[in-house]
Protein backbone atom coordinates (compact mmCIF):
# COMPACT_ATOMS: atom_id res chain seq x y z
CA MET A 1 -38.30 -18.68 -12.60
CA GLY A 2 -37.08 -19.32 -9.05
CA GLY A 3 -39.86 -21.63 -7.90
CA HIS A 4 -39.42 -24.82 -5.95
CA GLY A 5 -42.25 -27.00 -7.22
CA GLY A 6 -45.54 -26.73 -8.95
CA ILE A 7 -49.27 -27.18 -8.75
CA SER A 8 -50.58 -28.75 -11.89
CA VAL A 9 -53.88 -30.03 -13.19
CA THR A 10 -51.96 -31.75 -15.98
CA ALA A 11 -49.92 -33.71 -13.43
CA ASN A 12 -53.05 -35.69 -12.60
CA VAL A 13 -53.10 -37.02 -16.17
CA VAL A 14 -49.37 -37.30 -16.98
CA PRO A 15 -47.56 -37.33 -13.62
CA LYS A 16 -44.38 -39.04 -14.83
CA ILE A 17 -43.95 -36.78 -17.85
CA LEU A 18 -44.45 -33.63 -15.78
CA SER A 19 -42.20 -34.95 -13.02
CA ASN A 20 -39.45 -35.45 -15.61
CA ALA A 21 -39.87 -31.85 -16.80
CA TYR A 22 -39.58 -30.58 -13.20
CA ASP A 23 -36.50 -32.75 -12.62
CA PHE A 24 -34.76 -31.35 -15.69
CA ALA A 25 -35.64 -27.79 -14.67
CA ILE A 26 -34.36 -28.30 -11.11
CA ARG A 27 -31.10 -29.76 -12.44
CA GLY A 28 -30.64 -26.71 -14.67
CA ASN A 29 -31.50 -28.31 -18.01
CA ALA A 30 -34.06 -25.73 -19.11
CA GLU A 31 -33.94 -26.83 -22.74
CA LYS A 32 -34.97 -30.41 -21.95
CA ALA A 33 -37.66 -29.14 -19.54
CA LYS A 34 -39.03 -26.86 -22.28
CA GLU A 35 -38.94 -29.74 -24.78
CA ILE A 36 -41.08 -31.87 -22.48
CA ASP A 37 -43.41 -28.96 -21.75
CA MET A 38 -43.92 -28.38 -25.46
CA LYS A 39 -44.78 -32.06 -25.88
CA ILE A 40 -47.67 -31.69 -23.44
CA SER A 41 -48.61 -28.07 -24.21
CA ASN A 42 -51.81 -29.01 -26.07
CA LEU A 43 -52.93 -31.17 -23.17
CA HIS A 44 -52.13 -28.31 -20.74
CA SER A 45 -54.40 -25.99 -22.70
CA HIS A 46 -57.13 -28.44 -23.56
CA LEU A 47 -57.66 -29.51 -19.94
CA PHE A 48 -59.07 -26.01 -19.41
CA LEU A 49 -61.44 -25.84 -22.37
CA GLU A 50 -64.21 -26.56 -19.87
CA SER A 51 -64.33 -25.99 -16.11
CA ASN A 52 -61.82 -27.88 -14.01
CA PRO A 53 -62.06 -30.76 -12.99
CA ILE A 54 -64.46 -31.91 -15.73
CA PRO A 55 -61.80 -32.56 -18.43
CA VAL A 56 -59.37 -34.16 -15.97
CA LYS A 57 -62.02 -36.53 -14.64
CA TRP A 58 -62.95 -37.50 -18.20
CA ALA A 59 -59.30 -38.13 -19.12
CA MET A 60 -58.72 -40.17 -15.96
CA HIS A 61 -61.79 -42.27 -16.76
CA LYS A 62 -60.56 -42.88 -20.33
CA MET A 63 -57.22 -43.97 -18.89
CA GLY A 64 -59.00 -46.47 -16.62
CA TYR A 65 -58.32 -44.76 -13.29
CA CYS A 66 -61.91 -43.99 -12.28
CA GLU A 67 -65.50 -44.66 -13.17
CA SER A 68 -67.42 -42.42 -15.53
CA GLY A 69 -69.87 -39.89 -14.24
CA ILE A 70 -69.69 -36.58 -12.51
CA ARG A 71 -71.70 -34.94 -9.73
CA LEU A 72 -73.69 -31.75 -9.94
CA PRO A 73 -73.05 -28.86 -10.20
CA LEU A 74 -70.53 -30.18 -12.75
CA ILE A 75 -71.77 -31.53 -16.05
CA GLU A 76 -70.42 -34.09 -18.50
CA LEU A 77 -67.58 -33.01 -20.77
CA SER A 78 -68.91 -31.99 -24.18
CA LYS A 79 -68.43 -34.44 -27.04
CA ASP A 80 -66.34 -31.92 -29.01
CA ILE A 81 -63.87 -31.48 -26.14
CA GLN A 82 -63.81 -35.25 -25.53
CA LYS A 83 -62.53 -35.69 -29.08
CA ILE A 84 -59.83 -33.04 -28.60
CA ILE A 85 -58.52 -34.49 -25.34
CA LYS A 86 -58.67 -38.03 -26.73
CA ILE A 87 -56.40 -36.92 -29.57
CA ASP A 88 -54.00 -35.41 -27.00
CA LEU A 89 -53.92 -38.64 -24.98
CA GLU A 90 -53.38 -40.72 -28.11
CA SER A 91 -50.57 -38.45 -29.31
CA LEU A 92 -48.83 -38.97 -25.95
CA LYS A 93 -49.40 -42.74 -26.34
CA ILE A 94 -51.51 -42.83 -23.16
CA LEU A 95 -54.53 -44.33 -24.94
């Protein structure tokens, strides 16, 4: 699309995977970049089922990168969304 980088919420959770997609795109291998993007498309979407950064903070905690808990005005990620994102992380073999 002519860009030279990206800003991504998902990159906080899967930085290496997203970096690989960017590398393929920059080198002109759009098909491989799309393949990687499709692999993480559910995670992309699900990280926005509740207000950012609530889902990202929950995922990072589950991955062992930070403590649990969140400050007001944010609230804890709902149990239903926790289950969805956990499935995404397990499908990517992160958990």
